[in-house]
Amino acid sequence: MSELVNSIRERYLGTLDKIASAAKRSGRSPEAVKLVVVTKAQPVEVARAAIEAGAVILGENYAEEGVTKIQSLQNFSAVEWHMIGHVQSRKAPLVAEHFNFMHSLDSLKLAKRLDRSCGDAGRVLPVLLEFNVGGEESKGGWEAVDESRWATLTGEISEILVMPNLRVRGLMSMPPLGETAEFSRPYFQKLRRLRDFLVSQLPQADFSELSMGTSSDYEVAVEEGATFVRVGTAIVGPRSYITEHA
C-alpha cells in the first residue's frame, strides 16, 4: 500500500503544481482552484490510497459505487465526496443522503427529485448546474450551444434557485474530446460567458463556481477560470471499471 500511496502522492502534488502555475499565468490565486481526484471505476483501495496521499475531495460518477466507497472509508471524515456524473432520478436519494456536493445537476426533473430527497434526509446539498456547450448528444446538461437562446434557460434555473434543500453554487460542463488540451479552450470560454450571462440575469444567485477540466485539459481550464478541476487518470492511473454501475 505504501508504494501505491507514494506514487499517487507524487502525481497529486505534481498536479497541484501545474494548477498553481496555470493560475499564476492567468493572474489568479492557486487557492482559488480546488482539485477533485476522480476515483470512479477504481477499487476502494485506490480511493483509500488517494486520501492517504493527501486528496481532500474525491469524485465519483456512479451513485452505488460511490456510496460503497463512502461507507468503506467513513473513518476519513475530513474528505468530501462529490458526485460528478449523471444521476438517474431514482438514484437521487443515494446522492442526497451520502454526498457532500453535486457537480452534475442536469435537469429540472432531477432537481425536484433531489430536493425532495434532501428534505427527507434533512440535508441541504450544494449543486452545480450542468450545461452542454459542445452540442454532443452523448453529453448531459441543459443545451447551451446557441448563445442567442441562453435567455430561455433562466426559467427552469429560477425554479431551482428557490428549492429549499438545494444550493446552486455555479456551473459545470464537459467539452467534446479533442486531441489537444487547447481544443477545449473555446468550450471553457463559452461556459464562463454563460456564467457571466446568468449573473447578469439572476443577480440574486451564486454562480461563483466553475467545474471544468479533466486530466487532458485541466491547465487550460484553470487559465479560463475553473474553480474545480476533475482529475482522475493523471493522478490515480487507468480505470479498472471492475466496479462500474450504469
C-alpha atoms as a PDB file:
ATOM      1  CA  MET A   1       0.000   0.000   0.000  1.00  0.00           C
ATOM      2  CA  SER A   2       2.822   2.411   0.815  1.00  0.00           C
ATOM      3  CA  GLU A   3       4.174   2.153  -2.740  1.00  0.00           C
ATOM      4  CA  LEU A   4       0.727   2.955  -4.147  1.00  0.00           C
ATOM      5  CA  VAL A   5       0.298   5.892  -1.764  1.00  0.00           C
ATOM      6  CA  ASN A   6       3.706   7.273  -2.654  1.00  0.00           C
ATOM      7  CA  SER A   7       3.110   7.045  -6.401  1.00  0.00           C
ATOM      8  CA  ILE A   8      -0.294   8.727  -6.107  1.00  0.00           C
ATOM      9  CA  ARG A   9       1.138  11.398  -3.800  1.00  0.00           C
ATOM     10  CA  GLU A  10       3.837  12.228  -6.334  1.00  0.00           C
ATOM     11  CA  ARG A  11       1.291  12.666  -9.126  1.00  0.00           C
ATOM     12  CA  TYR A  12      -1.140  14.525  -6.838  1.00  0.00           C
ATOM     13  CA  LEU A  13       1.491  17.063  -5.797  1.00  0.00           C
ATOM     14  CA  GLY A  14       2.637  17.401  -9.407  1.00  0.00           C
ATOM     15  CA  THR A  15      -0.936  18.172 -10.452  1.00  0.00           C
ATOM     16  CA  LEU A  16      -1.228  20.807  -7.733  1.00  0.00           C
ATOM     17  CA  ASP A  17       1.983  22.397  -9.002  1.00  0.00           C
ATOM     18  CA  LYS A  18       0.616  22.552 -12.559  1.00  0.00           C
ATOM     19  CA  ILE A  19      -2.644  24.043 -11.280  1.00  0.00           C
ATOM     20  CA  ALA A  20      -0.691  26.692  -9.391  1.00  0.00           C
ATOM     21  CA  SER A  21       1.377  27.565 -12.458  1.00  0.00           C
ATOM     22  CA  ALA A  22      -1.719  27.817 -14.663  1.00  0.00           C
ATOM     23  CA  ALA A  23      -3.448  30.024 -12.094  1.00  0.00           C
ATOM     24  CA  LYS A  24      -0.464  32.350 -11.887  1.00  0.00           C
ATOM     25  CA  ARG A  25      -0.270  32.589 -15.691  1.00  0.00           C
ATOM     26  CA  SER A  26      -3.817  33.914 -15.716  1.00  0.00           C
ATOM     27  CA  GLY A  27      -3.367  36.256 -12.764  1.00  0.00           C
ATOM     28  CA  ARG A  28      -5.325  34.071 -10.345  1.00  0.00           C
ATOM     29  CA  SER A  29      -4.545  32.709  -6.906  1.00  0.00           C
ATOM     30  CA  PRO A  30      -3.801  28.967  -6.843  1.00  0.00           C
ATOM     31  CA  GLU A  31      -6.006  28.773  -3.742  1.00  0.00           C
ATOM     32  CA  ALA A  32      -8.990  29.675  -5.945  1.00  0.00           C
ATOM     33  CA  VAL A  33      -8.847  26.253  -7.617  1.00  0.00           C
ATOM     34  CA  LYS A  34      -9.957  23.034  -5.918  1.00  0.00           C
ATOM     35  CA  LEU A  35      -8.711  19.652  -7.126  1.00  0.00           C
ATOM     36  CA  VAL A  36     -11.244  16.821  -7.302  1.00  0.00           C
ATOM     37  CA  VAL A  37      -9.451  13.476  -7.512  1.00  0.00           C
ATOM     38  CA  VAL A  38     -11.704  11.241  -9.603  1.00  0.00           C
ATOM     39  CA  THR A  39     -11.828   7.683  -8.288  1.00  0.00           C
ATOM     40  CA  LYS A  40     -14.674   6.347 -10.421  1.00  0.00           C
ATOM     41  CA  ALA A  41     -14.211   2.739 -11.542  1.00  0.00           C
ATOM     42  CA  GLN A  42     -11.304   2.371  -9.124  1.00  0.00           C
ATOM     43  CA  PRO A  43     -11.289  -0.103  -6.244  1.00  0.00           C
ATOM     44  CA  VAL A  44     -11.741   1.100  -2.679  1.00  0.00           C
ATOM     45  CA  GLU A  45      -8.024   0.530  -2.064  1.00  0.00           C
ATOM     46  CA  VAL A  46      -7.121   3.156  -4.643  1.00  0.00           C
ATOM     47  CA  ALA A  47      -9.548   5.653  -3.128  1.00  0.00           C
ATOM     48  CA  ARG A  48      -8.036   4.994   0.298  1.00  0.00           C
ATOM     49  CA  ALA A  49      -4.535   5.457  -1.089  1.00  0.00           C
ATOM     50  CA  ALA A  50      -5.566   8.756  -2.689  1.00  0.00           C
ATOM     51  CA  ILE A  51      -6.829  10.006   0.670  1.00  0.00           C
ATOM     52  CA  GLU A  52      -3.652   8.892   2.415  1.00  0.00           C
ATOM     53  CA  ALA A  53      -1.686  10.643  -0.335  1.00  0.00           C
ATOM     54  CA  GLY A  54      -3.344  13.937   0.547  1.00  0.00           C
ATOM     55  CA  ALA A  55      -6.524  14.142  -1.528  1.00  0.00           C
ATOM     56  CA  VAL A  56      -9.302  16.019   0.274  1.00  0.00           C
ATOM     57  CA  ILE A  57     -12.030  15.847  -2.413  1.00  0.00           C
ATOM     58  CA  LEU A  58     -12.893  12.608  -4.226  1.00  0.00           C
ATOM     59  CA  GLY A  59     -15.186  12.492  -7.247  1.00  0.00           C
ATOM     60  CA  GLU A  60     -17.458   9.623  -8.233  1.00  0.00           C
ATOM     61  CA  ASN A  61     -19.622   9.094 -11.333  1.00  0.00           C
ATOM     62  CA  TYR A  62     -21.897   6.284 -10.194  1.00  0.00           C
ATOM     63  CA  ALA A  63     -24.108   6.525  -7.128  1.00  0.00           C
ATOM     64  CA  GLU A  64     -23.909   2.937  -5.856  1.00  0.00           C
ATOM     65  CA  GLU A  65     -20.182   2.676  -6.414  1.00  0.00           C
ATOM     66  CA  GLY A  66     -19.618   5.964  -4.649  1.00  0.00           C
ATOM     67  CA  VAL A  67     -21.780   5.013  -1.662  1.00  0.00           C
ATOM     68  CA  THR A  68     -19.843   1.753  -1.269  1.00  0.00           C
ATOM     69  CA  LYS A  69     -16.587   3.704  -1.031  1.00  0.00           C
ATOM     70  CA  ILE A  70     -18.045   6.375   1.252  1.00  0.00           C
ATOM     71  CA  GLN A  71     -19.247   3.721   3.677  1.00  0.00           C
ATOM     72  CA  SER A  72     -15.972   1.778   3.489  1.00  0.00           C
ATOM     73  CA  LEU A  73     -13.909   4.909   4.151  1.00  0.00           C
ATOM     74  CA  GLN A  74     -16.174   6.708   6.599  1.00  0.00           C
ATOM     75  CA  ASN A  75     -13.354   6.996   9.143  1.00  0.00           C
ATOM     76  CA  PHE A  76     -11.809   9.623   6.847  1.00  0.00           C
ATOM     77  CA  SER A  77     -14.358  12.195   7.947  1.00  0.00           C
ATOM     78  CA  ALA A  78     -12.499  15.232   6.573  1.00  0.00           C
ATOM     79  CA  VAL A  79     -12.817  14.027   2.974  1.00  0.00           C
ATOM     80  CA  GLU A  80     -15.540  15.492   0.746  1.00  0.00           C
ATOM     81  CA  TRP A  81     -17.289  13.193  -1.714  1.00  0.00           C
ATOM     82  CA  HIS A  82     -18.511  14.869  -4.899  1.00  0.00           C
ATOM     83  CA  MET A  83     -20.946  13.363  -7.403  1.00  0.00           C
ATOM     84  CA  ILE A  84     -19.667  14.346 -10.846  1.00  0.00           C
ATOM     85  CA  GLY A  85     -21.583  12.001 -13.165  1.00  0.00           C
ATOM     86  CA  HIS A  86     -25.121  11.766 -14.499  1.00  0.00           C
ATOM     87  CA  VAL A  87     -27.631  10.686 -11.861  1.00  0.00           C
ATOM     88  CA  GLN A  88     -30.898   8.944 -12.698  1.00  0.00           C
ATOM     89  CA  SER A  89     -33.848  10.392 -10.803  1.00  0.00           C
ATOM     90  CA  ARG A  90     -34.476   7.117  -8.999  1.00  0.00           C
ATOM     91  CA  LYS A  91     -30.960   7.281  -7.538  1.00  0.00           C
ATOM     92  CA  ALA A  92     -31.370  10.808  -6.182  1.00  0.00           C
ATOM     93  CA  PRO A  93     -31.900   9.525  -2.611  1.00  0.00           C
ATOM     94  CA  LEU A  94     -28.422   7.956  -2.623  1.00  0.00           C
ATOM     95  CA  VAL A  95     -26.829  11.251  -3.613  1.00  0.00           C
ATOM     96  CA  ALA A  96     -28.958  13.245  -1.181  1.00  0.00           C
ATOM     97  CA  GLU A  97     -28.018  11.055   1.763  1.00  0.00           C
ATOM     98  CA  HIS A  98     -24.330  10.371   1.154  1.00  0.00           C
ATOM     99  CA  PHE A  99     -22.606  13.001  -0.999  1.00  0.00           C
ATOM    100  CA  ASN A 100     -21.299  16.415   0.073  1.00  0.00           C
ATOM    101  CA  PHE A 101     -21.564  18.163  -3.298  1.00  0.00           C
ATOM    102  CA  MET A 102     -23.000  17.533  -6.769  1.00  0.00           C
ATOM    103  CA  HIS A 103     -21.443  18.849  -9.980  1.00  0.00           C
ATOM    104  CA  SER A 104     -23.903  17.315 -12.437  1.00  0.00           C
ATOM    105  CA  LEU A 105     -27.435  18.586 -11.837  1.00  0.00           C
ATOM    106  CA  ASP A 106     -28.674  18.417 -15.419  1.00  0.00           C
ATOM    107  CA  SER A 107     -32.470  18.801 -15.442  1.00  0.00           C
ATOM    108  CA  LEU A 108     -35.412  20.318 -13.605  1.00  0.00           C
ATOM    109  CA  LYS A 109     -36.867  16.819 -13.136  1.00  0.00           C
ATOM    110  CA  LEU A 110     -33.752  15.661 -11.291  1.00  0.00           C
ATOM    111  CA  ALA A 111     -33.648  18.873  -9.255  1.00  0.00           C
ATOM    112  CA  LYS A 112     -37.199  18.294  -7.995  1.00  0.00           C
ATOM    113  CA  ARG A 113     -36.432  14.702  -7.023  1.00  0.00           C
ATOM    114  CA  LEU A 114     -33.146  15.666  -5.404  1.00  0.00           C
ATOM    115  CA  ASP A 115     -34.755  18.490  -3.451  1.00  0.00           C
ATOM    116  CA  ARG A 116     -37.385  16.107  -2.061  1.00  0.00           C
ATOM    117  CA  SER A 117     -34.760  13.503  -1.213  1.00  0.00           C
ATOM    118  CA  CYS A 118     -32.573  16.051   0.553  1.00  0.00           C
ATOM    119  CA  GLY A 119     -35.599  17.181   2.544  1.00  0.00           C
ATOM    120  CA  ASP A 120     -36.286  13.585   3.567  1.00  0.00           C
ATOM    121  CA  ALA A 121     -32.639  13.209   4.613  1.00  0.00           C
ATOM    122  CA  GLY A 122     -32.618  16.500   6.492  1.00  0.00           C
ATOM    123  CA  ARG A 123     -29.759  17.840   4.398  1.00  0.00           C
ATOM    124  CA  VAL A 124     -29.054  20.807   2.143  1.00  0.00           C
ATOM    125  CA  LEU A 125     -26.928  19.894  -0.885  1.00  0.00           C
ATOM    126  CA  PRO A 126     -24.664  22.316  -2.769  1.00  0.00           C
ATOM    127  CA  VAL A 127     -25.034  21.751  -6.520  1.00  0.00           C
ATOM    128  CA  LEU A 128     -23.634  22.910  -9.833  1.00  0.00           C
ATOM    129  CA  LEU A 129     -25.827  23.151 -12.928  1.00  0.00           C
ATOM    130  CA  GLU A 130     -24.507  21.139 -15.871  1.00  0.00           C
ATOM    131  CA  PHE A 131     -24.621  22.659 -19.351  1.00  0.00           C
ATOM    132  CA  ASN A 132     -23.892  21.117 -22.734  1.00  0.00           C
ATOM    133  CA  VAL A 133     -21.796  23.752 -24.511  1.00  0.00           C
ATOM    134  CA  GLY A 134     -20.487  21.393 -27.214  1.00  0.00           C
ATOM    135  CA  GLY A 135     -23.729  20.075 -28.681  1.00  0.00           C
ATOM    136  CA  GLU A 136     -22.887  16.401 -28.289  1.00  0.00           C
ATOM    137  CA  GLU A 137     -25.944  14.200 -27.897  1.00  0.00           C
ATOM    138  CA  SER A 138     -23.984  11.893 -25.599  1.00  0.00           C
ATOM    139  CA  LYS A 139     -23.383  14.664 -23.069  1.00  0.00           C
ATOM    140  CA  GLY A 140     -25.857  15.660 -20.386  1.00  0.00           C
ATOM    141  CA  GLY A 141     -26.965  19.057 -19.227  1.00  0.00           C
ATOM    142  CA  TRP A 142     -29.076  21.937 -20.450  1.00  0.00           C
ATOM    143  CA  GLU A 143     -28.390  22.650 -24.128  1.00  0.00           C
ATOM    144  CA  ALA A 144     -26.309  25.831 -24.269  1.00  0.00           C
ATOM    145  CA  VAL A 145     -24.591  25.805 -27.639  1.00  0.00           C
ATOM    146  CA  ASP A 146     -26.563  28.698 -29.127  1.00  0.00           C
ATOM    147  CA  GLU A 147     -25.783  31.835 -27.129  1.00  0.00           C
ATOM    148  CA  SER A 148     -28.797  33.616 -28.603  1.00  0.00           C
ATOM    149  CA  ARG A 149     -31.046  31.158 -26.753  1.00  0.00           C
ATOM    150  CA  TRP A 150     -29.455  31.438 -23.327  1.00  0.00           C
ATOM    151  CA  ALA A 151     -32.330  33.594 -22.073  1.00  0.00           C
ATOM    152  CA  THR A 152     -34.624  30.549 -22.351  1.00  0.00           C
ATOM    153  CA  LEU A 153     -32.603  28.826 -19.630  1.00  0.00           C
ATOM    154  CA  THR A 154     -33.469  31.259 -16.880  1.00  0.00           C
ATOM    155  CA  GLY A 155     -36.995  29.955 -16.255  1.00  0.00           C
ATOM    156  CA  GLU A 156     -36.020  26.476 -15.087  1.00  0.00           C
ATOM    157  CA  ILE A 157     -32.941  27.799 -13.290  1.00  0.00           C
ATOM    158  CA  SER A 158     -35.133  30.229 -11.366  1.00  0.00           C
ATOM    159  CA  GLU A 159     -37.290  27.315 -10.207  1.00  0.00           C
ATOM    160  CA  ILE A 160     -34.207  25.506  -8.905  1.00  0.00           C
ATOM    161  CA  LEU A 161     -32.885  28.595  -7.133  1.00  0.00           C
ATOM    162  CA  VAL A 162     -35.882  28.664  -4.776  1.00  0.00           C
ATOM    163  CA  MET A 163     -35.781  24.964  -3.862  1.00  0.00           C
ATOM    164  CA  PRO A 164     -35.226  24.850  -0.103  1.00  0.00           C
ATOM    165  CA  ASN A 165     -32.870  21.888   0.029  1.00  0.00           C
ATOM    166  CA  LEU A 166     -30.558  22.703  -2.900  1.00  0.00           C
ATOM    167  CA  ARG A 167     -27.933  25.461  -3.010  1.00  0.00           C
ATOM    168  CA  VAL A 168     -26.833  26.407  -6.507  1.00  0.00           C
ATOM    169  CA  ARG A 169     -23.160  27.322  -6.433  1.00  0.00           C
ATOM    170  CA  GLY A 170     -22.204  27.558 -10.105  1.00  0.00           C
ATOM    171  CA  LEU A 171     -21.864  25.737 -13.427  1.00  0.00           C
ATOM    172  CA  MET A 172     -20.262  22.591 -14.811  1.00  0.00           C
ATOM    173  CA  SER A 173     -19.533  21.309 -18.297  1.00  0.00           C
ATOM    174  CA  MET A 174     -17.676  18.558 -20.133  1.00  0.00           C
ATOM    175  CA  PRO A 175     -16.433  19.659 -23.586  1.00  0.00           C
ATOM    176  CA  PRO A 176     -16.072  17.346 -26.575  1.00  0.00           C
ATOM    177  CA  LEU A 177     -12.922  15.236 -26.529  1.00  0.00           C
ATOM    178  CA  GLY A 178     -10.122  16.753 -28.567  1.00  0.00           C
ATOM    179  CA  GLU A 179      -6.610  15.663 -29.443  1.00  0.00           C
ATOM    180  CA  THR A 180      -5.032  18.578 -27.578  1.00  0.00           C
ATOM    181  CA  ALA A 181      -5.773  20.499 -24.407  1.00  0.00           C
ATOM    182  CA  GLU A 182      -6.087  23.668 -26.458  1.00  0.00           C
ATOM    183  CA  PHE A 183      -9.095  22.181 -28.264  1.00  0.00           C
ATOM    184  CA  SER A 184     -11.116  22.591 -25.054  1.00  0.00           C
ATOM    185  CA  ARG A 185     -10.382  26.282 -24.554  1.00  0.00           C
ATOM    186  CA  PRO A 186     -13.318  27.729 -26.572  1.00  0.00           C
ATOM    187  CA  TYR A 187     -15.755  25.499 -24.660  1.00  0.00           C
ATOM    188  CA  PHE A 188     -14.366  26.641 -21.318  1.00  0.00           C
ATOM    189  CA  GLN A 189     -14.628  30.232 -22.510  1.00  0.00           C
ATOM    190  CA  LYS A 190     -18.251  29.658 -23.513  1.00  0.00           C
ATOM    191  CA  LEU A 191     -19.126  28.243 -20.095  1.00  0.00           C
ATOM    192  CA  ARG A 192     -17.551  31.278 -18.452  1.00  0.00           C
ATOM    193  CA  ARG A 193     -19.574  33.587 -20.718  1.00  0.00           C
ATOM    194  CA  LEU A 194     -22.705  31.652 -19.836  1.00  0.00           C
ATOM    195  CA  ARG A 195     -21.905  32.119 -16.158  1.00  0.00           C
ATOM    196  CA  ASP A 196     -21.476  35.860 -16.701  1.00  0.00           C
ATOM    197  CA  PHE A 197     -24.790  35.992 -18.585  1.00  0.00           C
ATOM    198  CA  LEU A 198     -26.632  34.177 -15.803  1.00  0.00           C
ATOM    199  CA  VAL A 199     -25.108  36.501 -13.207  1.00  0.00           C
ATOM    200  CA  SER A 200     -26.497  39.444 -15.157  1.00  0.00           C
ATOM    201  CA  GLN A 201     -29.956  37.867 -15.434  1.00  0.00           C
ATOM    202  CA  LEU A 202     -30.198  36.309 -11.975  1.00  0.00           C
ATOM    203  CA  PRO A 203     -28.081  38.557  -9.743  1.00  0.00           C
ATOM    204  CA  GLN A 204     -29.550  37.082  -6.562  1.00  0.00           C
ATOM    205  CA  ALA A 205     -27.937  33.715  -7.315  1.00  0.00           C
ATOM    206  CA  ASP A 206     -24.470  32.365  -6.525  1.00  0.00           C
ATOM    207  CA  PHE A 207     -22.713  31.245  -9.703  1.00  0.00           C
ATOM    208  CA  SER A 208     -19.194  31.610  -8.331  1.00  0.00           C
ATOM    209  CA  GLU A 209     -18.002  28.058  -9.046  1.00  0.00           C
ATOM    210  CA  LEU A 210     -16.967  26.691 -12.454  1.00  0.00           C
ATOM    211  CA  SER A 211     -16.251  22.959 -12.672  1.00  0.00           C
ATOM    212  CA  MET A 212     -14.404  22.251 -15.896  1.00  0.00           C
ATOM    213  CA  GLY A 213     -11.246  20.459 -16.964  1.00  0.00           C
ATOM    214  CA  THR A 214     -10.070  16.860 -16.634  1.00  0.00           C
ATOM    215  CA  SER A 215      -6.737  15.019 -16.875  1.00  0.00           C
ATOM    216  CA  SER A 216      -6.233  16.048 -20.500  1.00  0.00           C
ATOM    217  CA  ASP A 217      -7.001  19.763 -20.258  1.00  0.00           C
ATOM    218  CA  TYR A 218      -7.190  20.966 -16.646  1.00  0.00           C
ATOM    219  CA  GLU A 219      -4.392  23.515 -17.037  1.00  0.00           C
ATOM    220  CA  VAL A 220      -6.292  25.267 -19.835  1.00  0.00           C
ATOM    221  CA  ALA A 221      -9.440  25.104 -17.696  1.00  0.00           C
ATOM    222  CA  VAL A 222      -7.647  26.870 -14.855  1.00  0.00           C
ATOM    223  CA  GLU A 223      -6.419  29.551 -17.247  1.00  0.00           C
ATOM    224  CA  GLU A 224     -10.056  30.094 -18.283  1.00  0.00           C
ATOM    225  CA  GLY A 225     -11.437  30.418 -14.776  1.00  0.00           C
ATOM    226  CA  ALA A 226     -12.121  26.929 -13.419  1.00  0.00           C
ATOM    227  CA  THR A 227     -12.595  26.768  -9.654  1.00  0.00           C
ATOM    228  CA  PHE A 228     -12.925  22.958  -9.679  1.00  0.00           C
ATOM    229  CA  VAL A 229     -10.897  20.621 -11.899  1.00  0.00           C
ATOM    230  CA  ARG A 230     -11.728  16.912 -12.046  1.00  0.00           C
ATOM    231  CA  VAL A 231      -8.573  14.838 -12.464  1.00  0.00           C
ATOM    232  CA  GLY A 232      -8.527  11.049 -12.324  1.00  0.00           C
ATOM    233  CA  THR A 233      -6.197   9.117 -14.623  1.00  0.00           C
ATOM    234  CA  ALA A 234      -3.325  11.610 -14.304  1.00  0.00           C
ATOM    235  CA  ILE A 235      -3.295  11.008 -10.529  1.00  0.00           C
ATOM    236  CA  VAL A 236      -4.631   7.527  -9.745  1.00  0.00           C
ATOM    237  CA  GLY A 237      -3.859   5.799 -13.051  1.00  0.00           C
ATOM    238  CA  PRO A 238      -6.044   3.994 -15.609  1.00  0.00           C
ATOM    239  CA  ARG A 239      -9.516   2.925 -14.570  1.00  0.00           C
ATOM    240  CA  SER A 240     -10.275  -0.724 -13.950  1.00  0.00           C
ATOM    241  CA  TYR A 241     -14.062  -0.491 -14.470  1.00  0.00           C
ATOM    242  CA  ILE A 242     -14.483  -3.509 -12.222  1.00  0.00           C
ATOM    243  CA  THR A 243     -16.989  -1.652 -10.037  1.00  0.00           C
ATOM    244  CA  GLU A 244     -18.800   0.362 -12.685  1.00  0.00           C
ATOM    245  CA  HIS A 245     -22.562   0.793 -12.386  1.00  0.00           C
ATOM    246  CA  ALA A 246     -24.864   2.018 -15.117  1.00  0.00           C
END
